[in-house]
Amino acid sequence: RTAQAIYADFAAQGLVYGPSHHLLRELRCAQDFGVARIDPQPASDEHAGDYMLPPGVADAALQAAVAFLAAESGQPQVRAAIPFTLATADIRCVPVGPIHAYVRRAQDGSGTVDVDLLDERDGGRVCAAFRGLGLHAVGHAERTEAEPQSQPATVAV
């Protein structure tokens, strides 16, 4: 799916991202995984150097995970969702240049997704890894498949 279509789906549900949060460029999905292209914008925030992983890049990875789940389940529209659980976040290094988010179902049967953020250094260096990401559909009382029971989270930096 194109980023334009994904952001239009979000906007139709009242979730309007400003221009500085339109970092997702496209999402291509296969049977068991998705790969999203994320183009970080030059930092304009005076505190941008304080982050190993820019918040906008992390948000774009979440957007890619939500869109992947919609595509995987055959939904014609991406439904807005918010992060509900996260088992681990491993932020390894500052990404350089264009970034790719590799999204797939967690192999532990929890119904969550795993996301790796890779930059283009050394043929695809893993800059950050999110494991056990559970998402909760906005505006719905029922539990989504990617919304597991709550568990304590750990963060490795």
C-alpha atoms as a PDB file:
ATOM      1  CA  ARG A   1       0.000   0.000   0.000  1.00  0.00           C
ATOM      2  CA  THR A   2       1.096   3.511  -0.547  1.00  0.00           C
ATOM      3  CA  ALA A   3       1.683   5.793   2.393  1.00  0.00           C
ATOM      4  CA  GLN A   4      -0.849   8.211   0.928  1.00  0.00           C
ATOM      5  CA  ALA A   5      -3.567   5.523   1.141  1.00  0.00           C
ATOM      6  CA  ILE A   6      -2.558   4.527   4.677  1.00  0.00           C
ATOM      7  CA  TYR A   7      -2.622   8.126   5.936  1.00  0.00           C
ATOM      8  CA  ALA A   8      -5.956   8.708   4.159  1.00  0.00           C
ATOM      9  CA  ASP A   9      -7.395   5.695   6.011  1.00  0.00           C
ATOM     10  CA  PHE A  10      -6.175   7.111   9.332  1.00  0.00           C
ATOM     11  CA  ALA A  11      -7.548  10.579   8.510  1.00  0.00           C
ATOM     12  CA  ALA A  12     -10.973   9.149   7.631  1.00  0.00           C
ATOM     13  CA  GLN A  13     -11.107   7.867  11.219  1.00  0.00           C
ATOM     14  CA  GLY A  14     -10.117  11.210  12.724  1.00  0.00           C
ATOM     15  CA  LEU A  15      -6.414  10.408  13.215  1.00  0.00           C
ATOM     16  CA  VAL A  16      -4.745  13.180  11.223  1.00  0.00           C
ATOM     17  CA  TYR A  17      -0.960  13.160  11.163  1.00  0.00           C
ATOM     18  CA  GLY A  18       0.810  16.457  10.521  1.00  0.00           C
ATOM     19  CA  PRO A  19       3.421  16.702   7.754  1.00  0.00           C
ATOM     20  CA  SER A  20       6.334  16.034  10.120  1.00  0.00           C
ATOM     21  CA  HIS A  21       4.754  12.666  11.015  1.00  0.00           C
ATOM     22  CA  HIS A  22       4.362  11.481   7.414  1.00  0.00           C
ATOM     23  CA  LEU A  23       7.583   9.460   7.447  1.00  0.00           C
ATOM     24  CA  LEU A  24       6.113   6.191   6.174  1.00  0.00           C
ATOM     25  CA  ARG A  25       6.574   6.036   2.391  1.00  0.00           C
ATOM     26  CA  GLU A  26       5.204   2.619   1.437  1.00  0.00           C
ATOM     27  CA  LEU A  27       4.418  -0.831   2.769  1.00  0.00           C
ATOM     28  CA  ARG A  28       4.839  -4.030   0.810  1.00  0.00           C
ATOM     29  CA  CYS A  29       3.372  -7.196   2.280  1.00  0.00           C
ATOM     30  CA  ALA A  30       4.044 -10.853   1.598  1.00  0.00           C
ATOM     31  CA  GLN A  31       2.213 -13.768   3.191  1.00  0.00           C
ATOM     32  CA  ASP A  32       3.965 -13.624   6.575  1.00  0.00           C
ATOM     33  CA  PHE A  33       5.724 -10.271   6.732  1.00  0.00           C
ATOM     34  CA  GLY A  34       5.731  -6.676   5.600  1.00  0.00           C
ATOM     35  CA  VAL A  35       8.517  -4.266   4.718  1.00  0.00           C
ATOM     36  CA  ALA A  36       7.938  -0.546   5.066  1.00  0.00           C
ATOM     37  CA  ARG A  37      10.163   2.249   3.830  1.00  0.00           C
ATOM     38  CA  ILE A  38      10.587   5.100   6.300  1.00  0.00           C
ATOM     39  CA  ASP A  39      12.311   8.335   5.299  1.00  0.00           C
ATOM     40  CA  PRO A  40      13.280  10.317   8.386  1.00  0.00           C
ATOM     41  CA  GLN A  41      13.114  14.061   7.960  1.00  0.00           C
ATOM     42  CA  PRO A  42      16.034  16.251   8.930  1.00  0.00           C
ATOM     43  CA  ALA A  43      15.803  17.032  12.616  1.00  0.00           C
ATOM     44  CA  SER A  44      14.459  20.471  13.394  1.00  0.00           C
ATOM     45  CA  ASP A  45      13.910  19.865  17.100  1.00  0.00           C
ATOM     46  CA  GLU A  46      16.639  21.397  19.273  1.00  0.00           C
ATOM     47  CA  HIS A  47      16.656  18.133  21.278  1.00  0.00           C
ATOM     48  CA  ALA A  48      16.892  15.848  18.231  1.00  0.00           C
ATOM     49  CA  GLY A  49      20.472  14.893  19.078  1.00  0.00           C
ATOM     50  CA  ASP A  50      19.259  13.581  22.417  1.00  0.00           C
ATOM     51  CA  TYR A  51      17.495  10.617  20.781  1.00  0.00           C
ATOM     52  CA  MET A  52      19.089   7.409  19.564  1.00  0.00           C
ATOM     53  CA  LEU A  53      15.832   6.610  17.806  1.00  0.00           C
ATOM     54  CA  PRO A  54      13.920   9.677  16.661  1.00  0.00           C
ATOM     55  CA  PRO A  55      10.319   9.558  17.975  1.00  0.00           C
ATOM     56  CA  GLY A  56       8.903  10.111  14.482  1.00  0.00           C
ATOM     57  CA  VAL A  57      10.750   7.039  13.201  1.00  0.00           C
ATOM     58  CA  ALA A  58       9.405   4.941  16.075  1.00  0.00           C
ATOM     59  CA  ASP A  59       5.894   6.225  15.321  1.00  0.00           C
ATOM     60  CA  ALA A  60       6.272   5.390  11.622  1.00  0.00           C
ATOM     61  CA  ALA A  61       7.266   1.843  12.627  1.00  0.00           C
ATOM     62  CA  LEU A  62       4.049   1.593  14.661  1.00  0.00           C
ATOM     63  CA  GLN A  63       2.069   2.908  11.681  1.00  0.00           C
ATOM     64  CA  ALA A  64       3.677   0.194   9.533  1.00  0.00           C
ATOM     65  CA  ALA A  65       2.734  -2.494  12.078  1.00  0.00           C
ATOM     66  CA  VAL A  66      -0.898  -1.345  12.103  1.00  0.00           C
ATOM     67  CA  ALA A  67      -1.037  -1.306   8.286  1.00  0.00           C
ATOM     68  CA  PHE A  68       0.632  -4.737   8.100  1.00  0.00           C
ATOM     69  CA  LEU A  69      -2.010  -6.269  10.368  1.00  0.00           C
ATOM     70  CA  ALA A  70      -4.764  -4.784   8.200  1.00  0.00           C
ATOM     71  CA  ALA A  71      -3.185  -6.136   5.013  1.00  0.00           C
ATOM     72  CA  GLU A  72      -2.522  -9.542   6.560  1.00  0.00           C
ATOM     73  CA  SER A  73      -6.148  -9.902   7.635  1.00  0.00           C
ATOM     74  CA  GLY A  74      -7.449  -8.746   4.246  1.00  0.00           C
ATOM     75  CA  GLN A  75      -9.039  -5.545   5.547  1.00  0.00           C
ATOM     76  CA  PRO A  76      -9.703  -3.056   2.738  1.00  0.00           C
ATOM     77  CA  GLN A  77      -8.881  -0.136   5.048  1.00  0.00           C
ATOM     78  CA  VAL A  78      -6.209   0.399   7.705  1.00  0.00           C
ATOM     79  CA  ARG A  79      -7.979   0.814  11.038  1.00  0.00           C
ATOM     80  CA  ALA A  80      -6.402   3.102  13.604  1.00  0.00           C
ATOM     81  CA  ALA A  81      -4.815   1.301  16.554  1.00  0.00           C
ATOM     82  CA  ILE A  82      -2.657   2.250  19.506  1.00  0.00           C
ATOM     83  CA  PRO A  83       0.188   0.341  21.166  1.00  0.00           C
ATOM     84  CA  PHE A  84      -1.159  -1.766  24.015  1.00  0.00           C
ATOM     85  CA  THR A  85       1.778  -3.930  25.073  1.00  0.00           C
ATOM     86  CA  LEU A  86       5.464  -4.217  24.306  1.00  0.00           C
ATOM     87  CA  ALA A  87       7.593  -7.066  25.624  1.00  0.00           C
ATOM     88  CA  THR A  88      10.977  -5.529  24.767  1.00  0.00           C
ATOM     89  CA  ALA A  89      12.474  -2.560  22.949  1.00  0.00           C
ATOM     90  CA  ASP A  90      16.116  -2.888  21.979  1.00  0.00           C
ATOM     91  CA  ILE A  91      17.510   0.376  20.596  1.00  0.00           C
ATOM     92  CA  ARG A  92      21.002  -0.395  19.339  1.00  0.00           C
ATOM     93  CA  CYS A  93      22.226   2.593  17.332  1.00  0.00           C
ATOM     94  CA  VAL A  94      21.212   5.807  15.599  1.00  0.00           C
ATOM     95  CA  PRO A  95      19.804   5.010  12.145  1.00  0.00           C
ATOM     96  CA  VAL A  96      21.526   6.645   9.184  1.00  0.00           C
ATOM     97  CA  GLY A  97      19.630   7.495   6.007  1.00  0.00           C
ATOM     98  CA  PRO A  98      16.528   5.674   4.789  1.00  0.00           C
ATOM     99  CA  ILE A  99      15.126   3.060   7.144  1.00  0.00           C
ATOM    100  CA  HIS A 100      13.194  -0.136   6.516  1.00  0.00           C
ATOM    101  CA  ALA A 101      10.785  -1.639   9.031  1.00  0.00           C
ATOM    102  CA  TYR A 102      10.522  -5.412   8.837  1.00  0.00           C
ATOM    103  CA  VAL A 103       7.177  -6.379  10.445  1.00  0.00           C
ATOM    104  CA  ARG A 104       5.978  -9.911  11.160  1.00  0.00           C
ATOM    105  CA  ARG A 105       3.882 -11.902  13.608  1.00  0.00           C
ATOM    106  CA  ALA A 106       5.727 -12.892  16.771  1.00  0.00           C
ATOM    107  CA  GLN A 107       6.637 -16.575  16.688  1.00  0.00           C
ATOM    108  CA  ASP A 108       5.620 -17.173  20.309  1.00  0.00           C
ATOM    109  CA  GLY A 109       1.926 -17.504  19.457  1.00  0.00           C
ATOM    110  CA  SER A 110       0.988 -14.420  21.502  1.00  0.00           C
ATOM    111  CA  GLY A 111      -0.769 -12.695  18.598  1.00  0.00           C
ATOM    112  CA  THR A 112       1.652  -9.774  18.795  1.00  0.00           C
ATOM    113  CA  VAL A 113       4.053  -8.477  16.144  1.00  0.00           C
ATOM    114  CA  ASP A 114       7.804  -7.996  16.032  1.00  0.00           C
ATOM    115  CA  VAL A 115       9.386  -5.045  14.232  1.00  0.00           C
ATOM    116  CA  ASP A 116      13.030  -4.572  13.228  1.00  0.00           C
ATOM    117  CA  LEU A 117      14.239  -1.176  12.022  1.00  0.00           C
ATOM    118  CA  LEU A 118      17.154  -1.427   9.623  1.00  0.00           C
ATOM    119  CA  ASP A 119      19.128   1.338   7.986  1.00  0.00           C
ATOM    120  CA  GLU A 120      21.141   0.941   4.803  1.00  0.00           C
ATOM    121  CA  ARG A 121      24.552   0.640   6.435  1.00  0.00           C
ATOM    122  CA  ASP A 122      26.421  -2.626   6.011  1.00  0.00           C
ATOM    123  CA  GLY A 123      23.655  -4.123   3.902  1.00  0.00           C
ATOM    124  CA  GLY A 124      20.928  -3.576   6.486  1.00  0.00           C
ATOM    125  CA  ARG A 125      22.080  -2.897  10.039  1.00  0.00           C
ATOM    126  CA  VAL A 126      19.451  -3.498  12.754  1.00  0.00           C
ATOM    127  CA  CYS A 127      19.135  -0.197  14.632  1.00  0.00           C
ATOM    128  CA  ALA A 128      16.154  -1.095  16.811  1.00  0.00           C
ATOM    129  CA  ALA A 129      13.993  -4.126  17.544  1.00  0.00           C
ATOM    130  CA  PHE A 130      10.534  -4.166  19.105  1.00  0.00           C
ATOM    131  CA  ARG A 131       9.304  -7.555  20.340  1.00  0.00           C
ATOM    132  CA  GLY A 132       5.820  -8.486  21.439  1.00  0.00           C
ATOM    133  CA  LEU A 133       4.071  -5.348  20.195  1.00  0.00           C
ATOM    134  CA  GLY A 134       0.353  -5.596  20.869  1.00  0.00           C
ATOM    135  CA  LEU A 135      -2.041  -3.144  19.248  1.00  0.00           C
ATOM    136  CA  HIS A 136      -5.538  -2.107  20.311  1.00  0.00           C
ATOM    137  CA  ALA A 137      -7.985  -0.994  17.626  1.00  0.00           C
ATOM    138  CA  VAL A 138      -9.309   2.503  18.336  1.00  0.00           C
ATOM    139  CA  GLY A 139     -13.061   2.757  18.752  1.00  0.00           C
ATOM    140  CA  HIS A 140     -13.735  -0.933  19.348  1.00  0.00           C
ATOM    141  CA  ALA A 141     -14.461  -2.705  22.620  1.00  0.00           C
ATOM    142  CA  GLU A 142     -13.508  -6.176  21.387  1.00  0.00           C
ATOM    143  CA  ARG A 143      -9.943  -7.423  21.699  1.00  0.00           C
ATOM    144  CA  THR A 144      -7.914  -7.525  18.488  1.00  0.00           C
ATOM    145  CA  GLU A 145      -5.799 -10.547  17.644  1.00  0.00           C
ATOM    146  CA  ALA A 146      -2.622  -8.500  18.175  1.00  0.00           C
ATOM    147  CA  GLU A 147      -3.810  -7.419  21.617  1.00  0.00           C
ATOM    148  CA  PRO A 148      -2.499  -9.941  24.161  1.00  0.00           C
ATOM    149  CA  GLN A 149      -2.943 -10.038  27.895  1.00  0.00           C
ATOM    150  CA  SER A 150      -0.796  -7.453  29.686  1.00  0.00           C
ATOM    151  CA  GLN A 151       2.681  -8.518  30.732  1.00  0.00           C
ATOM    152  CA  PRO A 152       5.574  -6.576  32.235  1.00  0.00           C
ATOM    153  CA  ALA A 153       7.794  -4.906  29.675  1.00  0.00           C
ATOM    154  CA  THR A 154      11.576  -4.616  29.610  1.00  0.00           C
ATOM    155  CA  VAL A 155      13.563  -2.030  27.729  1.00  0.00           C
ATOM    156  CA  ALA A 156      17.141  -2.708  26.609  1.00  0.00           C
ATOM    157  CA  VAL A 157      19.099   0.332  25.513  1.00  0.00           C
END
